[in-house]
Amino acid sequence: MTEPISVTALNQYVKGLLDRDRLLSQVLVRSEISNYKVYPSGHHYFTLKDAESSVRCVMFRREAARLRFRPENGMKVVVSGRVTVFPRDGAYQLYCNQMVPDGVGELAFAFEQLKNRLHREGLFDPARKKPLPAFPDTIALVTSPAGAAVRDMIRILGARWPLAKVLVIPVRVQGVEAPEEICQALDLVNAADMADLIITGRGGGSMEDLWAFNEEEVARAICRSRIPVISAVGHEPDVTIADFAADVRASTPSNGAELAVPHQQDLRDRLAHLSVRLEQGMERELRHRRERLDRLKTSPFLQSPLRTIQEKRLLLDYQQQRLVRGMATCLSGYQQTVGRLAASLEALSPFKVLGRGYAITKKQDGVVVSAIRQVKVGDTLSVQVSDGTITCTATGKEKHRWRKKS
């Protein structure tokens, strides 16, 4: 019987067996990601699973930094790495050194993934696009100073609009350092207010060559630029993330230069056309003014000013007569109306009734007597007739028999 060993020794022995196995030193596994987590250390921990089994995996920070896309739970991937045991836990796991999406190229998948994510954030919203200046004074070219693209842009800008100053901000446009240099150049032009317009880009190449313009940090630098940005990357079929983020996308660097400035000959033609239109307009206006002056020369007022004044005086006298007649007619109508109203008022006057033999009887307090119940025998009454007032004392009262008793 062999001697007992420690758990650590057992795990180390199993680890040694796995490490010496050439098949397990570099395996390819196609499966689905689950439980994906990124720790503050930069290491990525996840599980690969299929319908029946699962295996724990780790991708250290150095290898994870080379990923072109963001792994997500449920994503189908192909990973490569070595299988060994972590002695502390005694569990075997897959140490991944590469990971690519299953079924599509890594770069193509990373491009679509980043494009969709930035689109959801609103970075490509047309509402945030800035208009290009019509006549830029200074144009900054953020590109490689050694490529053919920068020479084409300088030549086209000089031929189309020589009034514009062109500043070349040299950066790498390919390689690991390129994205950071492009971002720094864009921020520098904005911070120093060096230009009215920025063109960034490069000539054609493979997707790998153009990848600097597909990096997230470059897209965000373009979006935060206060100065309008034209993205001019590659050839006509090439499309990058920078194209979506920029204010204007040019199909090529040469096209970017054409979009940046007007053509001086087009402007000369436009000015010549406007000059002709101005001359024609002035001629029409002068002709109309001459015709009007000729009509004024033959007007009766200019021919005989005094006759016109006399005609106006006659018209004034006629209007005065009409006013007087109208006022007289109006006053006559008002007088007749007042007469009718006065006659109606007089007919309703109580004094008119007194003239026909009636009288108004009042008590000493001024209350008009309208019924015998208001008067007691011995009350002093005043009787108003048509020509005065009679004071008398009530010696009796008699109720009319034809009145209904109240």
Protein backbone atom coordinates (compact mmCIF):
# COMPACT_ATOMS: atom_id res chain seq x y z
CA MET A 1 0.00 0.00 0.00
CA THR A 2 1.39 3.40 -0.95
CA GLU A 3 1.97 6.20 1.51
CA PRO A 4 -0.86 8.80 1.83
CA ILE A 5 -0.25 12.19 0.16
CA SER A 6 -1.68 15.66 0.73
CA VAL A 7 -4.43 17.23 -1.34
CA THR A 8 -1.93 19.77 -2.61
CA ALA A 9 0.39 17.04 -3.78
CA LEU A 10 -2.50 15.29 -5.48
CA ASN A 11 -3.59 18.43 -7.28
CA GLN A 12 -0.03 19.20 -8.33
CA TYR A 13 0.39 15.67 -9.68
CA VAL A 14 -2.83 15.91 -11.74
CA LYS A 15 -1.77 19.37 -12.96
CA GLY A 16 1.53 17.93 -14.10
CA LEU A 17 -0.23 15.19 -16.04
CA LEU A 18 -2.46 17.70 -17.81
CA ASP A 19 0.38 20.09 -18.53
CA ARG A 20 2.43 17.33 -20.18
CA ASP A 21 -0.47 16.26 -22.41
CA ARG A 22 0.23 17.76 -25.84
CA LEU A 23 -3.43 17.49 -26.86
CA LEU A 24 -4.57 19.58 -23.88
CA SER A 25 -1.84 22.19 -24.32
CA GLN A 26 -3.70 23.79 -27.23
CA VAL A 27 -7.36 22.91 -27.75
CA LEU A 28 -10.14 24.54 -29.79
CA VAL A 29 -13.61 24.53 -28.22
CA ARG A 30 -16.85 25.69 -29.87
CA SER A 31 -19.58 26.48 -27.35
CA GLU A 32 -21.86 29.11 -25.78
CA ILE A 33 -20.78 31.68 -23.17
CA SER A 34 -22.54 31.97 -19.82
CA ASN A 35 -21.82 33.64 -16.45
CA TYR A 36 -19.48 36.12 -18.14
CA LYS A 37 -17.76 38.48 -15.68
CA VAL A 38 -14.92 40.99 -15.92
CA TYR A 39 -13.09 41.61 -12.66
CA PRO A 40 -11.35 44.87 -11.68
CA SER A 41 -8.05 43.11 -12.27
CA GLY A 42 -8.91 42.96 -15.98
CA HIS A 43 -9.21 39.16 -16.01
CA HIS A 44 -12.31 37.62 -17.67
CA TYR A 45 -14.07 34.65 -16.07
CA PHE A 46 -16.85 32.71 -17.77
CA THR A 47 -18.28 29.27 -18.48
CA LEU A 48 -18.55 27.43 -21.78
CA LYS A 49 -21.54 25.15 -21.97
CA ASP A 50 -23.50 22.95 -24.34
CA ALA A 51 -26.68 20.95 -23.84
CA GLU A 52 -25.06 18.43 -21.49
CA SER A 53 -21.83 19.83 -20.00
CA SER A 54 -19.95 22.95 -19.00
CA VAL A 55 -16.38 23.96 -18.28
CA ARG A 56 -14.96 26.90 -16.36
CA CYS A 57 -12.73 29.29 -18.29
CA VAL A 58 -10.46 32.23 -17.61
CA MET A 59 -8.87 34.77 -19.96
CA PHE A 60 -6.18 36.88 -18.37
CA ARG A 61 -5.97 40.63 -18.89
CA ARG A 62 -3.16 40.53 -21.48
CA GLU A 63 -5.08 38.16 -23.77
CA ALA A 64 -8.43 39.90 -23.11
CA ALA A 65 -6.97 43.26 -24.20
CA ARG A 66 -6.55 41.85 -27.71
CA LEU A 67 -10.28 41.11 -28.13
CA ARG A 68 -11.89 43.15 -30.90
CA PHE A 69 -15.42 42.54 -29.62
CA ARG A 70 -17.28 42.32 -26.32
CA PRO A 71 -18.17 38.78 -25.27
CA GLU A 72 -21.74 38.45 -23.98
CA ASN A 73 -23.79 35.73 -22.34
CA GLY A 74 -25.43 33.48 -24.91
CA MET A 75 -22.87 34.26 -27.63
CA LYS A 76 -21.54 31.36 -29.70
CA VAL A 77 -17.73 31.46 -29.79
CA VAL A 78 -14.66 29.42 -30.65
CA VAL A 79 -11.90 29.64 -28.05
CA SER A 80 -8.37 28.27 -27.99
CA GLY A 81 -6.25 27.62 -24.94
CA ARG A 82 -4.79 25.03 -22.62
CA VAL A 83 -6.48 22.81 -20.06
CA THR A 84 -4.96 22.51 -16.61
CA VAL A 85 -5.83 22.30 -12.94
CA PHE A 86 -5.97 25.22 -10.52
CA PRO A 87 -4.26 23.56 -7.56
CA ARG A 88 -6.06 25.56 -4.88
CA ASP A 89 -9.53 24.33 -5.91
CA GLY A 90 -8.59 21.05 -7.54
CA ALA A 91 -10.86 21.88 -10.48
CA TYR A 92 -9.68 21.85 -14.03
CA GLN A 93 -10.42 24.82 -16.28
CA LEU A 94 -9.65 26.19 -19.72
CA TYR A 95 -7.11 29.01 -19.85
CA CYS A 96 -8.10 30.91 -23.02
CA ASN A 97 -5.64 32.85 -25.12
CA GLN A 98 -7.91 33.58 -28.11
CA MET A 99 -11.64 33.95 -28.72
CA VAL A 100 -13.55 34.62 -31.95
CA PRO A 101 -17.29 34.68 -32.70
CA ASP A 102 -18.52 31.43 -34.16
CA GLY A 103 -19.47 31.58 -37.85
CA VAL A 104 -18.31 35.15 -38.63
CA GLY A 105 -15.01 36.96 -38.77
CA GLU A 106 -13.90 38.60 -35.56
CA LEU A 107 -13.48 42.06 -37.12
CA ALA A 108 -16.83 41.94 -38.91
CA PHE A 109 -18.57 40.87 -35.73
CA ALA A 110 -16.83 43.53 -33.65
CA PHE A 111 -17.77 46.18 -36.24
CA GLU A 112 -21.48 45.31 -36.14
CA GLN A 113 -21.50 44.99 -32.36
CA LEU A 114 -19.93 48.41 -31.82
CA LYS A 115 -22.03 50.07 -34.51
CA ASN A 116 -25.27 48.81 -32.95
CA ARG A 117 -24.23 49.83 -29.44
CA LEU A 118 -23.20 53.37 -30.43
CA HIS A 119 -26.34 53.74 -32.52
CA ARG A 120 -28.48 52.90 -29.48
CA GLU A 121 -26.58 55.55 -27.50
CA GLY A 122 -27.53 58.17 -30.10
CA LEU A 123 -24.02 58.94 -31.36
CA PHE A 124 -25.17 58.56 -34.97
CA ASP A 125 -28.33 60.65 -34.57
CA PRO A 126 -28.69 63.06 -37.54
CA ALA A 127 -29.96 65.73 -35.14
CA ARG A 128 -26.49 66.09 -33.62
CA LYS A 129 -24.71 66.48 -36.96
CA LYS A 130 -23.15 69.91 -37.45
CA PRO A 131 -23.33 71.74 -40.80
CA LEU A 132 -20.09 72.36 -42.68
CA PRO A 133 -18.92 75.97 -43.06
CA ALA A 134 -19.66 77.32 -46.54
CA PHE A 135 -16.25 79.02 -46.90
CA PRO A 136 -13.79 77.56 -44.36
CA ASP A 137 -10.83 79.74 -43.52
CA THR A 138 -8.62 76.97 -42.07
CA ILE A 139 -8.86 73.20 -42.61
CA ALA A 140 -7.07 70.67 -40.41
CA LEU A 141 -6.10 67.33 -41.98
CA VAL A 142 -5.78 64.67 -39.27
CA THR A 143 -4.00 61.95 -41.21
CA SER A 144 -0.67 60.41 -42.02
CA PRO A 145 1.76 62.98 -43.48
CA ALA A 146 3.45 60.35 -45.65
CA GLY A 147 0.50 58.83 -47.51
CA ALA A 148 -0.83 59.61 -50.96
CA ALA A 149 -4.17 60.59 -49.41
CA VAL A 150 -2.79 63.74 -47.77
CA ARG A 151 -1.14 64.86 -51.00
CA ASP A 152 -4.39 64.37 -52.94
CA MET A 153 -6.35 66.39 -50.36
CA ILE A 154 -3.83 69.26 -50.34
CA ARG A 155 -3.78 69.37 -54.15
CA ILE A 156 -7.59 69.38 -54.46
CA LEU A 157 -8.08 71.95 -51.71
CA GLY A 158 -5.53 74.26 -53.33
CA ALA A 159 -7.11 73.94 -56.75
CA ARG A 160 -10.71 74.36 -55.58
CA TRP A 161 -10.33 77.00 -52.88
CA PRO A 162 -6.83 78.49 -52.53
CA LEU A 163 -8.04 81.00 -49.93
CA ALA A 164 -8.24 78.27 -47.28
CA LYS A 165 -5.22 77.51 -45.10
CA VAL A 166 -4.44 73.82 -44.74
CA LEU A 167 -2.89 72.42 -41.54
CA VAL A 168 -1.61 68.84 -41.52
CA ILE A 169 -1.84 67.26 -38.07
CA PRO A 170 0.42 64.17 -38.42
CA VAL A 171 -0.84 60.94 -36.86
CA ARG A 172 -0.51 57.23 -37.40
CA VAL A 173 -3.51 55.82 -39.23
CA GLN A 174 -2.66 52.14 -38.77
CA GLY A 175 -1.46 50.05 -35.88
CA VAL A 176 -2.00 49.87 -32.14
CA GLU A 177 -0.96 53.48 -31.47
CA ALA A 178 -3.14 54.97 -34.23
CA PRO A 179 -6.49 55.33 -32.36
CA GLU A 180 -4.95 57.21 -29.45
CA GLU A 181 -3.01 59.56 -31.74
CA ILE A 182 -6.11 60.32 -33.82
CA CYS A 183 -8.12 61.11 -30.67
CA GLN A 184 -5.36 63.36 -29.30
CA ALA A 185 -5.12 65.22 -32.62
CA LEU A 186 -8.89 65.82 -32.77
CA ASP A 187 -8.94 67.09 -29.18
CA LEU A 188 -5.90 69.32 -29.85
CA VAL A 189 -7.50 71.02 -32.86
CA ASN A 190 -10.63 71.72 -30.80
CA ALA A 191 -8.79 72.88 -27.68
CA ALA A 192 -6.57 75.29 -29.64
CA ASP A 193 -9.39 76.33 -32.00
CA MET A 194 -6.98 75.73 -34.87
CA ALA A 195 -9.47 75.29 -37.73
CA ASP A 196 -13.03 75.77 -38.98
CA LEU A 197 -13.21 72.24 -40.36
CA ILE A 198 -11.49 68.89 -39.77
CA ILE A 199 -10.93 66.10 -42.31
CA THR A 200 -9.70 62.83 -40.87
CA GLY A 201 -9.03 59.66 -42.81
CA ARG A 202 -6.60 57.68 -44.89
CA GLY A 203 -6.31 55.82 -48.18
CA GLY A 204 -7.71 52.39 -48.91
CA GLY A 205 -6.67 49.09 -47.44
CA SER A 206 -7.95 45.93 -45.83
CA MET A 207 -10.39 45.96 -42.94
CA GLU A 208 -7.46 45.36 -40.63
CA ASP A 209 -5.60 48.34 -42.13
CA LEU A 210 -8.61 50.64 -41.62
CA TRP A 211 -9.42 49.35 -38.14
CA ALA A 212 -8.13 52.44 -36.31
CA PHE A 213 -11.21 54.26 -37.61
CA ASN A 214 -13.46 51.51 -36.20
CA GLU A 215 -12.29 51.98 -32.63
CA GLU A 216 -14.80 53.29 -30.08
CA GLU A 217 -12.51 56.01 -28.73
CA VAL A 218 -12.09 57.52 -32.21
CA ALA A 219 -15.86 57.59 -32.74
CA ARG A 220 -16.37 59.33 -29.40
CA ALA A 221 -13.61 61.86 -30.13
CA ILE A 222 -15.31 62.72 -33.42
CA CYS A 223 -18.69 63.11 -31.69
CA ARG A 224 -17.36 65.42 -28.98
CA SER A 225 -15.59 67.63 -31.53
CA ARG A 226 -16.98 71.16 -31.48
CA ILE A 227 -15.56 71.69 -34.99
CA PRO A 228 -17.37 69.88 -37.87
CA VAL A 229 -15.63 66.67 -38.94
CA ILE A 230 -15.53 64.98 -42.36
CA SER A 231 -14.62 61.28 -42.30
CA ALA A 232 -12.72 60.30 -45.45
CA VAL A 233 -11.53 56.72 -45.05
CA GLY A 234 -10.59 54.23 -47.76
CA HIS A 235 -12.44 53.74 -51.02
CA GLU A 236 -16.13 53.97 -51.95
CA PRO A 237 -17.16 50.52 -50.61
CA ASP A 238 -15.27 50.97 -47.32
CA VAL A 239 -17.47 51.97 -44.38
CA THR A 240 -16.11 52.61 -40.89
CA ILE A 241 -17.54 53.56 -37.51
CA ALA A 242 -15.94 56.98 -37.99
CA ASP A 243 -18.15 57.49 -41.06
CA PHE A 244 -21.29 57.08 -38.92
CA ALA A 245 -19.98 59.34 -36.15
CA ALA A 246 -18.73 62.16 -38.40
CA ASP A 247 -20.87 65.10 -39.46
CA VAL A 248 -20.30 64.21 -43.13
CA ARG A 249 -19.03 60.96 -44.67
CA ALA A 250 -16.84 61.17 -47.77
CA SER A 251 -16.34 58.14 -50.00
CA THR A 252 -12.58 58.82 -50.37
CA PRO A 253 -10.03 61.35 -49.08
CA SER A 254 -10.25 63.17 -52.42
CA ASN A 255 -14.03 63.34 -52.10
CA GLY A 256 -13.58 64.69 -48.56
CA ALA A 257 -11.55 67.61 -49.94
CA GLU A 258 -14.23 68.24 -52.57
CA LEU A 259 -16.97 68.31 -49.92
CA ALA A 260 -14.97 70.62 -47.67
CA VAL A 261 -14.72 73.65 -49.97
CA PRO A 262 -16.56 75.12 -52.94
CA HIS A 263 -14.89 75.26 -56.33
CA GLN A 264 -13.62 78.74 -57.10
CA GLN A 265 -14.78 78.46 -60.72
CA ASP A 266 -18.30 77.58 -59.59
CA LEU A 267 -18.29 80.64 -57.36
CA ARG A 268 -17.03 82.85 -60.21
CA ASP A 269 -19.80 81.51 -62.46
CA ARG A 270 -22.34 82.16 -59.74
CA LEU A 271 -21.12 85.71 -59.22
CA ALA A 272 -21.19 86.35 -62.99
CA HIS A 273 -24.76 85.05 -63.14
CA LEU A 274 -25.80 87.25 -60.21
CA SER A 275 -24.09 90.25 -61.83
CA VAL A 276 -26.10 89.75 -65.02
CA ARG A 277 -29.31 89.39 -63.01
CA LEU A 278 -28.47 92.56 -61.07
CA GLU A 279 -27.89 94.53 -64.26
CA GLN A 280 -31.13 93.27 -65.78
CA GLY A 281 -33.01 94.11 -62.60
CA MET A 282 -31.59 97.62 -62.50
CA GLU A 283 -32.49 98.17 -66.16
CA ARG A 284 -36.08 97.05 -65.51
CA GLU A 285 -36.34 99.30 -62.48
CA LEU A 286 -34.96 102.31 -64.36
CA ARG A 287 -37.37 101.67 -67.24
CA HIS A 288 -40.34 101.52 -64.87
CA ARG A 289 -39.22 104.71 -63.14
CA ARG A 290 -38.88 106.52 -66.49
CA GLU A 291 -42.36 105.40 -67.53
CA ARG A 292 -43.80 106.62 -64.26
CA LEU A 293 -42.00 109.96 -64.62
CA ASP A 294 -43.45 110.35 -68.12
CA ARG A 295 -46.96 109.69 -66.76
CA LEU A 296 -46.45 112.24 -64.00
CA LYS A 297 -45.30 114.84 -66.53
CA THR A 298 -48.64 114.61 -68.33
CA SER A 299 -50.80 114.64 -65.19
CA PRO A 300 -53.38 117.51 -64.91
CA PHE A 301 -51.94 118.68 -61.61
CA LEU A 302 -48.50 119.32 -63.03
CA GLN A 303 -50.01 120.85 -66.18
CA SER A 304 -52.28 123.28 -64.25
CA PRO A 305 -51.91 123.19 -60.44
CA LEU A 306 -54.37 126.12 -59.91
CA ARG A 307 -57.18 124.36 -61.78
CA THR A 308 -56.80 121.33 -59.59
CA ILE A 309 -56.96 123.48 -56.46
CA GLN A 310 -60.15 125.18 -57.74
CA GLU A 311 -61.76 121.82 -58.38
CA LYS A 312 -60.94 120.77 -54.85
CA ARG A 313 -62.49 124.01 -53.52
CA LEU A 314 -65.72 123.33 -55.43
CA LEU A 315 -65.78 119.82 -54.03
CA LEU A 316 -65.26 121.23 -50.52
CA ASP A 317 -68.19 123.65 -50.93
CA TYR A 318 -70.40 120.80 -52.15
CA GLN A 319 -69.47 118.66 -49.18
CA GLN A 320 -70.15 121.59 -46.81
CA GLN A 321 -73.67 122.03 -48.22
CA ARG A 322 -74.34 118.32 -47.87
CA LEU A 323 -73.19 118.49 -44.25
CA VAL A 324 -75.48 121.45 -43.43
CA ARG A 325 -78.50 119.79 -45.05
CA GLY A 326 -77.79 116.57 -43.26
CA MET A 327 -77.51 118.28 -39.86
CA ALA A 328 -80.80 120.18 -40.42
CA THR A 329 -82.62 116.99 -41.35
CA CYS A 330 -81.20 115.20 -38.35
CA LEU A 331 -82.21 118.01 -35.93
CA SER A 332 -85.74 118.13 -37.34
CA GLY A 333 -86.14 114.43 -36.76
CA TYR A 334 -84.91 114.73 -33.18
CA GLN A 335 -87.33 117.67 -32.49
CA GLN A 336 -90.30 115.65 -33.71
CA THR A 337 -89.26 112.71 -31.55
CA VAL A 338 -88.90 114.93 -28.46
CA GLY A 339 -92.36 116.47 -29.10
CA ARG A 340 -94.00 113.04 -29.25
CA LEU A 341 -92.27 111.89 -26.09
CA ALA A 342 -93.27 115.14 -24.23
CA ALA A 343 -96.94 114.70 -25.21
CA SER A 344 -96.88 111.10 -24.00
CA LEU A 345 -95.26 112.12 -20.73
CA GLU A 346 -97.78 114.94 -20.16
CA ALA A 347 -100.67 112.56 -20.74
CA LEU A 348 -99.33 110.34 -17.98
CA SER A 349 -98.76 113.24 -15.51
CA PRO A 350 -100.89 113.05 -12.30
CA PHE A 351 -101.38 116.83 -12.44
CA LYS A 352 -103.21 116.40 -15.72
CA VAL A 353 -105.61 114.10 -13.89
CA LEU A 354 -106.17 116.70 -11.15
CA GLY A 355 -107.31 119.17 -13.81
CA ARG A 356 -110.25 116.87 -14.58
CA GLY A 357 -111.65 117.14 -11.01
CA TYR A 358 -109.69 114.45 -9.21
CA ALA A 359 -107.69 115.01 -6.00
CA ILE A 360 -104.78 113.41 -4.14
CA THR A 361 -105.27 112.87 -0.40
CA LYS A 362 -102.24 112.61 1.88
CA LYS A 363 -101.76 112.04 5.59
CA GLN A 364 -99.64 114.39 7.68
CA ASP A 365 -96.60 112.16 7.15
CA GLY A 366 -96.94 112.52 3.36
CA VAL A 367 -98.28 109.03 2.74
CA VAL A 368 -100.86 108.97 -0.06
CA VAL A 369 -104.23 107.64 1.10
CA SER A 370 -105.48 104.91 -1.23
CA ALA A 371 -107.93 103.11 1.12
CA ILE A 372 -110.18 104.13 4.06
CA ARG A 373 -108.41 101.72 6.39
CA GLN A 374 -105.43 104.09 6.33
CA VAL A 375 -107.51 106.94 7.90
CA LYS A 376 -109.02 107.25 11.36
CA VAL A 377 -111.80 109.65 12.35
CA GLY A 378 -110.17 112.86 13.53
CA ASP A 379 -107.03 112.54 11.34
CA THR A 380 -105.84 115.70 9.69
CA LEU A 381 -105.57 115.27 5.92
CA SER A 382 -104.31 117.40 3.04
CA VAL A 383 -106.18 117.23 -0.26
CA GLN A 384 -104.24 118.31 -3.33
CA VAL A 385 -106.35 119.67 -6.21
CA SER A 386 -105.33 121.23 -9.52
CA ASP A 387 -104.59 124.69 -8.11
CA GLY A 388 -103.59 124.05 -4.47
CA THR A 389 -103.95 122.02 -1.26
CA ILE A 390 -106.93 121.85 1.15
CA THR A 391 -106.40 120.91 4.83
CA CYS A 392 -109.26 119.09 6.46
CA THR A 393 -110.22 116.75 9.32
CA ALA A 394 -111.80 113.32 8.81
CA THR A 395 -115.22 113.33 10.60
CA GLY A 396 -116.28 109.93 9.36
CA LYS A 397 -115.68 107.26 6.74
CA GLU A 398 -117.95 104.95 4.73
CA LYS A 399 -116.90 101.92 2.73
CA HIS A 400 -118.37 101.62 -0.77
CA ARG A 401 -120.80 98.80 -0.97
CA TRP A 402 -119.67 97.76 -4.44
CA ARG A 403 -116.11 97.13 -3.22
CA LYS A 404 -115.31 93.56 -2.26
CA LYS A 405 -114.44 93.25 1.41
CA SER A 406 -110.81 92.51 1.99
